[in-house]
Protein backbone atom coordinates (compact mmCIF):
# COMPACT_ATOMS: atom_id res chain seq x y z
CA UNK A 1 0.13 0.20 -0.12
CA UNK A 2 1.61 3.40 -0.74
CA UNK A 3 2.61 6.36 1.61
CA UNK A 4 -0.54 8.52 0.81
CA UNK A 5 -2.79 5.46 1.31
CA UNK A 6 -1.57 4.62 4.53
CA UNK A 7 -1.60 8.23 5.73
CA UNK A 8 -5.39 8.37 4.35
CA UNK A 9 -5.81 5.20 6.77
CA UNK A 10 -4.45 7.27 9.88
CA UNK A 11 -6.44 10.04 9.36
CA UNK A 12 -9.84 7.78 9.18
CA UNK A 13 -8.55 5.79 12.37
CA UNK A 14 -8.50 9.29 14.41
CA UNK A 15 -11.70 10.47 13.00
CA UNK A 16 -13.51 6.92 13.72
CA UNK A 17 -11.71 7.22 17.38
CA UNK A 18 -12.91 10.53 17.93
CA UNK A 19 -16.66 9.99 16.73
CA UNK A 20 -16.51 6.73 18.95
CA UNK A 21 -15.64 9.06 21.88
CA UNK A 22 -18.24 11.58 21.41
CA UNK A 23 -20.98 9.02 20.71
CA UNK A 24 -19.83 7.41 24.05
CA UNK A 25 -19.83 10.47 26.07
CA UNK A 26 -22.90 11.59 24.91
CA UNK A 27 -24.54 8.53 25.45
CA UNK A 28 -22.87 8.13 29.00
CA UNK A 29 -24.36 12.06 29.67
CA UNK A 30 -28.10 10.60 29.07
CA UNK A 31 -27.44 7.35 31.22
CA UNK A 32 -25.92 9.47 33.86
CA UNK A 33 -28.76 12.22 34.37
CA UNK A 34 -31.15 9.15 34.14
CA UNK A 35 -29.11 7.24 37.11
CA UNK A 36 -29.31 10.48 39.40
CA UNK A 37 -32.96 10.74 39.03
CA UNK A 38 -33.71 7.18 39.88
CA UNK A 39 -31.46 7.92 43.02
CA UNK A 40 -33.54 10.73 43.75
CA UNK A 41 -36.63 9.14 43.40
CA UNK A 42 -35.62 5.94 45.54
CA UNK A 43 -34.34 8.85 48.76
CA UNK A 44 -37.66 10.31 47.96
CA UNK A 45 -39.54 6.96 48.46
CA UNK A 46 -38.00 6.04 51.66
CA UNK A 47 -38.52 9.24 53.37
CA UNK A 48 -42.38 9.26 52.56
CA UNK A 49 -42.76 5.33 53.33
CA UNK A 50 -41.44 6.50 56.95
CA UNK A 51 -43.30 9.24 57.07
CA UNK A 52 -47.42 8.20 56.00
CA UNK A 53 -48.36 5.02 55.05
CA UNK A 54 -51.02 6.73 53.09
CA UNK A 55 -50.85 5.44 49.00
CA UNK A 56 -52.30 8.65 47.94
CA UNK A 57 -49.58 10.51 49.34
CA UNK A 58 -46.93 8.32 47.87
CA UNK A 59 -48.48 8.72 44.43
CA UNK A 60 -48.59 12.48 44.71
CA UNK A 61 -44.52 12.33 45.62
CA UNK A 62 -43.79 10.27 42.85
CA UNK A 63 -45.44 12.47 40.22
CA UNK A 64 -43.55 15.15 42.08
CA UNK A 65 -40.55 13.69 41.67
CA UNK A 66 -41.17 12.95 38.00
CA UNK A 67 -41.56 16.49 37.60
CA UNK A 68 -38.13 17.25 39.08
CA UNK A 69 -36.48 14.76 36.90
CA UNK A 70 -37.89 16.09 33.61
CA UNK A 71 -37.00 19.83 34.20
CA UNK A 72 -33.78 19.01 35.75
CA UNK A 73 -32.54 16.44 32.85
CA UNK A 74 -34.64 17.96 29.90
CA UNK A 75 -31.77 19.92 28.84
CA UNK A 76 -29.12 17.36 28.93
CA UNK A 77 -31.30 14.72 27.62
CA UNK A 78 -32.42 16.55 24.41
CA UNK A 79 -28.37 17.98 24.20
CA UNK A 80 -28.08 14.04 24.03
CA UNK A 81 -30.07 12.80 21.69
CA UNK A 82 -29.13 15.67 19.11
CA UNK A 83 -25.77 14.38 19.40
CA UNK A 84 -26.65 11.22 18.57
CA UNK A 85 -28.68 11.48 15.72
CA UNK A 86 -26.00 13.84 14.15
CA UNK A 87 -23.21 12.15 14.89
CA UNK A 88 -24.57 8.92 13.91
CA UNK A 89 -25.32 10.44 10.80
CA UNK A 90 -21.74 11.49 10.30
CA UNK A 91 -20.32 7.87 11.42
CA UNK A 92 -22.79 6.13 8.96
CA UNK A 93 -21.45 8.17 6.05
CA UNK A 94 -17.74 7.93 7.82
CA UNK A 95 -18.05 3.85 7.86
CA UNK A 96 -18.81 3.41 4.19
CA UNK A 97 -15.96 5.01 3.39
CA UNK A 98 -13.90 3.44 5.72
CA UNK A 99 -15.59 0.25 4.57
CA UNK A 100 -14.37 1.11 1.10
CA UNK A 101 -10.87 1.97 2.32
CA UNK A 102 -10.14 -1.45 3.44
CA UNK A 103 -12.27 -3.67 1.60
CA UNK A 104 -10.53 -5.14 -1.61
CA UNK A 105 -11.10 -3.26 -4.86
CA UNK A 106 -13.04 -5.22 -7.85
CA UNK A 107 -9.95 -5.79 -9.21
CA UNK A 108 -7.97 -7.25 -6.60
CA UNK A 109 -11.04 -9.73 -5.38
CA UNK A 110 -11.03 -10.50 -9.21
CA UNK A 111 -7.36 -11.47 -8.85
CA UNK A 112 -7.64 -13.55 -5.66
CA UNK A 113 -11.09 -15.44 -7.14
CA UNK A 114 -8.10 -16.38 -10.02
CA UNK A 115 -10.94 -15.70 -12.16
CA UNK A 116 -8.56 -14.38 -15.05
CA UNK A 117 -6.63 -17.58 -15.16
CA UNK A 118 -10.22 -19.31 -15.86
CA UNK A 119 -9.95 -21.15 -19.69
CA UNK A 120 -12.50 -19.90 -21.48
CA UNK A 121 -13.48 -16.80 -19.60
CA UNK A 122 -14.57 -15.53 -16.10
CA UNK A 123 -18.22 -16.73 -16.93
CA UNK A 124 -17.04 -20.24 -17.23
CA UNK A 125 -16.02 -20.15 -13.47
CA UNK A 126 -18.15 -21.06 -10.62
CA UNK A 127 -16.55 -18.12 -8.18
CA UNK A 128 -17.60 -15.83 -11.00
CA UNK A 129 -21.41 -14.83 -9.67
CA UNK A 130 -19.42 -14.57 -6.16
CA UNK A 131 -17.64 -11.82 -7.64
CA UNK A 132 -20.32 -10.17 -8.73
CA UNK A 133 -22.34 -10.27 -5.63
CA UNK A 134 -18.95 -8.64 -3.65
CA UNK A 135 -18.69 -5.57 -5.98
CA UNK A 136 -22.26 -4.88 -5.89
CA UNK A 137 -22.30 -5.14 -1.92
CA UNK A 138 -19.26 -2.30 -2.54
CA UNK A 139 -21.42 -0.34 -4.43
CA UNK A 140 -25.19 -1.19 -2.93
CA UNK A 141 -26.12 2.71 -3.34
CA UNK A 142 -25.59 2.23 -7.06
CA UNK A 143 -25.67 -0.70 -9.06
CA UNK A 144 -24.65 1.09 -12.37
CA UNK A 145 -21.30 2.48 -10.77
CA UNK A 146 -20.73 -1.61 -10.13
CA UNK A 147 -20.86 -2.83 -13.55
CA UNK A 148 -18.95 -0.05 -14.79
CA UNK A 149 -16.37 -0.97 -11.71
CA UNK A 150 -16.75 -4.66 -13.23
CA UNK A 151 -16.57 -3.68 -16.72
CA UNK A 152 -13.45 -1.53 -16.08
CA UNK A 153 -11.86 -4.75 -14.16
CA UNK A 154 -12.68 -6.90 -17.40
CA UNK A 155 -11.18 -4.27 -19.84
CA UNK A 156 -8.08 -4.40 -17.84
CA UNK A 157 -7.72 -8.12 -17.74
CA UNK A 158 -8.54 -8.33 -21.68
CA UNK A 159 -7.36 -5.53 -23.53
CA UNK A 160 -8.34 -6.63 -27.05
CA UNK A 161 -11.96 -5.18 -27.41
CA UNK A 162 -12.90 -8.28 -29.78
CA UNK A 163 -11.60 -10.83 -27.18
CA UNK A 164 -13.64 -8.71 -24.26
CA UNK A 165 -16.68 -8.54 -26.56
CA UNK A 166 -16.57 -12.43 -27.41
CA UNK A 167 -16.12 -13.02 -23.86
CA UNK A 168 -19.24 -11.36 -23.03
CA UNK A 169 -21.13 -12.83 -25.58
CA UNK A 170 -20.58 -15.80 -24.41
CA UNK A 171 -21.77 -15.18 -20.80
CA UNK A 172 -24.67 -13.77 -22.34
CA UNK A 173 -25.69 -17.46 -23.63
CA UNK A 174 -25.47 -18.94 -20.29
CA UNK A 175 -28.56 -18.67 -18.19
CA UNK A 176 -27.34 -17.88 -14.73
CA UNK A 177 -25.17 -14.83 -16.18
CA UNK A 178 -27.05 -13.54 -19.23
CA UNK A 179 -28.60 -10.51 -17.48
CA UNK A 180 -25.25 -9.91 -15.69
CA UNK A 181 -23.52 -10.25 -19.41
CA UNK A 182 -26.23 -8.15 -20.77
CA UNK A 183 -25.44 -5.12 -18.32
CA UNK A 184 -21.86 -5.24 -19.01
CA UNK A 185 -22.39 -5.11 -23.31
CA UNK A 186 -24.33 -2.31 -22.44
CA UNK A 187 -21.83 -0.44 -20.38
CA UNK A 188 -19.16 -1.36 -23.38
CA UNK A 189 -21.66 0.35 -25.89
CA UNK A 190 -22.34 3.27 -23.62
CA UNK A 191 -18.47 3.83 -23.49
CA UNK A 192 -17.98 3.49 -27.34
CA UNK A 193 -20.33 6.52 -27.35
CA UNK A 194 -18.83 8.43 -24.94
CA UNK A 195 -15.61 8.18 -26.46
CA UNK A 196 -17.35 9.33 -29.79
CA UNK A 197 -16.17 6.52 -31.79
CA UNK A 198 -17.43 6.15 -35.04
CA UNK A 199 -19.50 2.78 -36.39
CA UNK A 200 -16.61 2.52 -38.92
CA UNK A 201 -13.96 2.40 -35.74
CA UNK A 202 -15.46 0.19 -33.72
CA UNK A 203 -16.27 -2.16 -36.64
CA UNK A 204 -12.46 -2.46 -36.77
CA UNK A 205 -12.23 -2.28 -33.36
CA UNK A 206 -14.09 -6.01 -32.93
CA UNK A 207 -11.98 -7.13 -35.99
CA UNK A 208 -15.15 -7.59 -38.16
CA UNK A 209 -13.31 -6.60 -41.33
CA UNK A 210 -10.93 -9.01 -40.70
CA UNK A 211 -13.07 -12.29 -39.87
CA UNK A 212 -12.80 -15.08 -42.25
CA UNK A 213 -16.20 -15.54 -43.98
CA UNK A 214 -17.52 -12.30 -43.38
CA UNK A 215 -18.19 -10.33 -40.39
CA UNK A 216 -22.13 -12.25 -40.56
CA UNK A 217 -20.07 -15.17 -39.40
CA UNK A 218 -19.06 -13.30 -36.10
CA UNK A 219 -20.81 -14.12 -33.10
CA UNK A 220 -19.99 -10.56 -31.92
CA UNK A 221 -21.64 -8.55 -34.92
CA UNK A 222 -25.04 -8.32 -33.01
CA UNK A 223 -22.83 -6.05 -30.45
CA UNK A 224 -21.61 -3.61 -33.28
CA UNK A 225 -25.47 -3.38 -34.29
CA UNK A 226 -26.45 -2.32 -30.80
CA UNK A 227 -23.66 -0.01 -31.02
CA UNK A 228 -24.97 1.81 -34.52
CA UNK A 229 -28.49 1.74 -33.23
CA UNK A 230 -28.10 3.57 -29.85
CA UNK A 231 -25.33 5.73 -31.27
CA UNK A 232 -28.28 7.09 -33.85
CA UNK A 233 -30.65 6.88 -31.18
CA UNK A 234 -31.22 10.58 -30.77
CA UNK A 235 -32.31 10.72 -34.54
CA UNK A 236 -36.16 10.92 -35.47
CA UNK A 237 -35.95 7.89 -37.49
CA UNK A 238 -33.25 5.98 -35.96
CA UNK A 239 -33.82 2.17 -37.32
CA UNK A 240 -33.42 3.52 -41.08
CA UNK A 241 -30.36 5.88 -40.54
CA UNK A 242 -28.83 3.15 -38.47
CA UNK A 243 -29.42 0.56 -41.02
CA UNK A 244 -28.12 3.14 -43.57
CA UNK A 245 -24.92 3.30 -41.45
CA UNK A 246 -24.79 -0.21 -41.67
CA UNK A 247 -25.13 -0.70 -45.28
CA UNK A 248 -22.70 1.70 -45.66
CA UNK A 249 -19.91 0.09 -43.79
CA UNK A 250 -20.97 -3.25 -45.24
CA UNK A 251 -21.26 -1.61 -49.29
CA UNK A 252 -17.36 -3.07 -49.86
CA UNK A 253 -18.47 -6.60 -49.29
CA UNK A 254 -20.29 -8.66 -52.79
CA UNK A 255 -24.30 -8.72 -52.33
CA UNK A 256 -24.64 -7.04 -48.85
CA UNK A 257 -28.41 -7.11 -49.00
CA UNK A 258 -28.62 -10.96 -48.90
CA UNK A 259 -25.94 -11.40 -45.99
CA UNK A 260 -27.71 -8.58 -43.93
CA UNK A 261 -31.22 -10.02 -44.75
CA UNK A 262 -30.49 -13.52 -44.00
CA UNK A 263 -28.40 -12.47 -40.90
CA UNK A 264 -31.45 -10.32 -39.23
CA UNK A 265 -34.12 -13.18 -40.39
CA UNK A 266 -32.36 -15.77 -38.14
CA UNK A 267 -32.21 -13.02 -35.35
CA UNK A 268 -35.87 -12.51 -35.71
CA UNK A 269 -36.52 -15.51 -34.32
CA UNK A 270 -34.55 -15.30 -31.47
CA UNK A 271 -36.86 -13.50 -28.55
CA UNK A 272 -34.07 -11.12 -26.91
CA UNK A 273 -33.31 -9.58 -30.73
CA UNK A 274 -36.80 -10.04 -32.41
CA UNK A 275 -37.85 -6.37 -31.94
CA UNK A 276 -34.54 -4.84 -33.50
CA UNK A 277 -34.38 -7.26 -36.37
CA UNK A 278 -37.70 -6.75 -37.23
CA UNK A 279 -37.23 -2.93 -36.82
CA UNK A 280 -33.98 -3.23 -39.17
CA UNK A 281 -35.64 -5.28 -41.90
CA UNK A 282 -38.04 -2.97 -42.20
CA UNK A 283 -35.75 -0.39 -42.48
CA UNK A 284 -33.79 -2.15 -45.21
CA UNK A 285 -36.85 -2.39 -47.06
CA UNK A 286 -37.62 1.29 -46.70
CA UNK A 287 -33.92 1.81 -48.05
CA UNK A 288 -35.01 0.12 -51.30
CA UNK A 289 -37.92 2.11 -51.90
CA UNK A 290 -35.98 5.67 -50.99
CA UNK A 291 -33.35 4.31 -53.67
CA UNK A 292 -36.51 3.64 -55.87
CA UNK A 293 -35.60 0.18 -56.23
CA UNK A 294 -37.82 -2.32 -58.38
CA UNK A 295 -39.25 -5.80 -57.61
CA UNK A 296 -37.09 -7.68 -59.70
CA UNK A 297 -34.12 -5.94 -58.84
CA UNK A 298 -34.25 -6.58 -55.27
CA UNK A 299 -35.80 -10.15 -56.09
CA UNK A 300 -32.06 -10.79 -57.15
CA UNK A 301 -30.24 -8.73 -54.93
CA UNK A 302 -31.64 -11.12 -51.95
CA UNK A 303 -30.33 -14.28 -54.66
CA UNK A 304 -33.77 -15.38 -54.53
CA UNK A 305 -33.68 -16.30 -58.44
CA UNK A 306 -31.14 -18.89 -57.45
CA UNK A 307 -33.41 -20.59 -55.27
CA UNK A 308 -35.13 -22.98 -57.91
CA UNK A 309 -38.94 -24.38 -56.91
CA UNK A 310 -38.11 -23.96 -53.36
CA UNK A 311 -38.66 -20.25 -53.57
CA UNK A 312 -41.38 -20.20 -50.72
CA UNK A 313 -38.75 -21.86 -48.35
CA UNK A 314 -36.44 -19.24 -48.22
CA UNK A 315 -36.62 -16.75 -45.30
CA UNK A 316 -35.65 -13.91 -47.48
CA UNK A 317 -38.89 -14.01 -49.58
CA UNK A 318 -40.74 -13.09 -46.58
CA UNK A 319 -38.38 -10.07 -46.81
CA UNK A 320 -39.06 -9.64 -50.99
CA UNK A 321 -42.60 -9.95 -50.24
CA UNK A 322 -42.61 -7.31 -46.98
CA UNK A 323 -40.90 -4.78 -49.32
CA UNK A 324 -43.03 -4.98 -52.26
CA UNK A 325 -46.17 -4.34 -49.92
CA UNK A 326 -44.41 -1.48 -48.24
CA UNK A 327 -43.88 0.00 -51.87
CA UNK A 328 -47.63 0.06 -52.39
CA UNK A 329 -48.64 0.88 -49.06
CA UNK A 330 -49.26 4.83 -50.11
CA UNK A 331 -52.07 3.40 -52.25
CA UNK A 332 -55.74 3.38 -50.89
CA UNK A 333 -56.98 0.48 -48.97
CA UNK A 334 -59.10 -0.90 -51.90
CA UNK A 335 -56.17 -1.31 -54.22
CA UNK A 336 -52.42 -1.50 -52.34
CA UNK A 337 -52.85 -5.25 -51.61
CA UNK A 338 -53.94 -5.78 -54.97
CA UNK A 339 -51.41 -3.81 -56.98
CA UNK A 340 -48.81 -5.50 -54.81
CA UNK A 341 -49.92 -8.88 -55.04
CA UNK A 342 -49.99 -8.43 -59.22
CA UNK A 343 -46.64 -6.86 -58.70
CA UNK A 344 -45.29 -10.06 -57.17
CA UNK A 345 -47.19 -12.68 -59.46
CA UNK A 346 -45.83 -10.17 -62.66
CA UNK A 347 -42.54 -10.33 -61.13
CA UNK A 348 -42.32 -13.89 -60.37
CA UNK A 349 -43.01 -14.25 -64.31
CA UNK A 350 -39.66 -12.87 -65.36
CA UNK A 351 -38.21 -15.75 -63.51
CA UNK A 352 -40.05 -18.76 -63.74
CA UNK A 353 -41.90 -20.44 -66.81
CA UNK A 354 -45.73 -21.47 -65.89
CA UNK A 355 -45.44 -24.92 -65.05
CA UNK A 356 -42.94 -23.96 -62.37
CA UNK A 357 -44.38 -21.12 -61.15
CA UNK A 358 -47.11 -23.38 -60.47
CA UNK A 359 -45.39 -25.86 -58.60
CA UNK A 360 -43.73 -23.26 -56.71
CA UNK A 361 -47.12 -21.54 -55.64
CA UNK A 362 -48.30 -25.08 -54.82
CA UNK A 363 -45.68 -25.74 -52.43
CA UNK A 364 -46.06 -22.42 -51.33
CA UNK A 365 -49.72 -23.05 -49.80
CA UNK A 366 -48.47 -25.96 -48.11
CA UNK A 367 -46.47 -23.81 -45.71
CA UNK A 368 -48.71 -21.92 -43.11
CA UNK A 369 -46.55 -19.24 -42.69
CA UNK A 370 -46.78 -18.34 -47.33
CA UNK A 371 -50.46 -19.98 -47.41
CA UNK A 372 -52.13 -16.76 -47.50
CA UNK A 373 -49.66 -14.84 -49.83
CA UNK A 374 -49.22 -18.40 -51.99
CA UNK A 375 -53.19 -18.81 -52.46
CA UNK A 376 -53.64 -14.83 -53.75
CA UNK A 377 -50.71 -15.33 -56.31
CA UNK A 378 -52.18 -18.50 -57.67
CA UNK A 379 -55.50 -16.63 -57.59
CA UNK A 380 -53.93 -14.53 -60.75
CA UNK A 381 -53.77 -17.46 -63.22
CA UNK A 382 -56.87 -19.02 -62.25
CA UNK A 383 -58.97 -19.44 -64.30
CA UNK A 384 -57.57 -18.91 -67.43
CA UNK A 385 -53.83 -17.06 -68.43
CA UNK A 386 -55.27 -15.24 -71.19
CA UNK A 387 -58.48 -13.36 -69.71
CA UNK A 388 -56.17 -12.77 -66.78
CA UNK A 389 -53.57 -11.12 -68.78
CA UNK A 390 -56.34 -8.79 -70.26
CA UNK A 391 -57.56 -7.53 -66.99
CA UNK A 392 -54.01 -6.70 -65.76
CA UNK A 393 -53.25 -3.24 -65.52
CA UNK A 394 -51.01 -1.94 -68.54
CA UNK A 395 -48.22 -1.36 -66.36
CA UNK A 396 -47.92 -5.21 -65.34
CA UNK A 397 -48.28 -6.82 -68.65
CA UNK A 398 -44.40 -7.10 -68.85
CA UNK A 399 -44.29 -10.38 -67.52
CA UNK A 400 -46.46 -11.97 -70.13
CA UNK A 401 -43.56 -12.30 -72.61
CA UNK A 402 -41.90 -15.47 -73.34
CA UNK A 403 -40.72 -17.11 -70.34
CA UNK A 404 -37.43 -17.42 -71.68
CA UNK A 405 -37.19 -13.45 -71.51
CA UNK A 406 -35.83 -13.65 -67.89
CA UNK A 407 -32.22 -14.95 -69.32
CA UNK A 408 -31.47 -11.71 -71.00
CA UNK A 409 -32.86 -8.99 -69.03
CA UNK A 410 -31.07 -6.79 -66.64
CA UNK A 411 -33.55 -6.69 -63.55
CA UNK A 412 -32.17 -3.43 -62.56
CA UNK A 413 -33.68 -2.10 -65.70
CA UNK A 414 -37.09 -4.06 -65.26
CA UNK A 415 -39.88 -1.36 -64.48
CA UNK A 416 -43.10 -3.34 -63.52
CA UNK A 417 -44.60 -0.43 -62.04
CA UNK A 418 -43.41 2.95 -61.81
CA UNK A 419 -42.31 5.22 -58.64
CA UNK A 420 -44.70 7.93 -58.20
CA UNK A 421 -43.22 11.57 -59.75
CA UNK A 422 -41.75 13.39 -56.71
């Protein structure tokens, strides 16, 4: 322990002795005053017993003595109570500081429990929860400060941000430590925000740019998503702004639309990430609309054209349907669903022959999640293809071209329904 720390402890010892002495003195004053009164009453009682056997006389004398005691000791007794109340508060605050001074720090206890030597990270050690409980007791007035202290300890032990995040994410996957790890990950995000880190800086800090197979293969990518999302929380349209930043960071990779959508669809199936994943999927679809991308273009960017006759089994098909529905959401209730369904069907005609498309729709009707949309699309080609093509709006008739047309078209240039003029 340093000289400065030792001097501080000596000072606290002296102060503690002083306050204890003061408390003892104020307490003894009250006891002495009360003892004196008791002795006084006892002598008075003896005299009265000898002088008279009248009970009423004794009672009157006791009442008189009680009044005398009350008057004689009132000031001293009140002084003692006042001292006790004021000194007790000071001593209480002092004791807390005293305890902090002598108790081991978060770092010291972490080392004593040998948590830093645990193979696989501290969350694998059964003593980890003991350490958490201890640090929480040190900062019992503010658990937020307790978790900041714990994170600081971990950050000093695991200096590589990617390693630390990986350990915390692994702790989040353990039932007994999930809540703790989640709070520590929250502290990490808030520190990045406080330090003014950009999305690109944190992306590199987590080594997501070096991950073999791409960042979407990393288990810590969601922590980067959380950071970007919270960093832009002040914006009115947080999800859309956040998704734009994420997409900008991921643009250098091939076909980021499909990779991001696939990742988010998987996270949507997990309860604790369902909400943020759903918001980001909607933001992604709106980004496509803002860029005035058409159905065929998004269909290929999601790699749905490579799915074959298992189209409805691909989770990204749901995202494409979501995009098309949003694209026509500005229309009135009577027309938006109809226009969206016809646009979907017309786009599918660009990529599939009638025979294959019928097979795809039949398969979609067997899947509970896609039965509704499959039945609506199938209704468009019933009962007669020729009659239905005639009934279609002129803007949708592009899909009636030769089934082989899709082999030579550029999906980016296919305009099924133009966007309204701005």
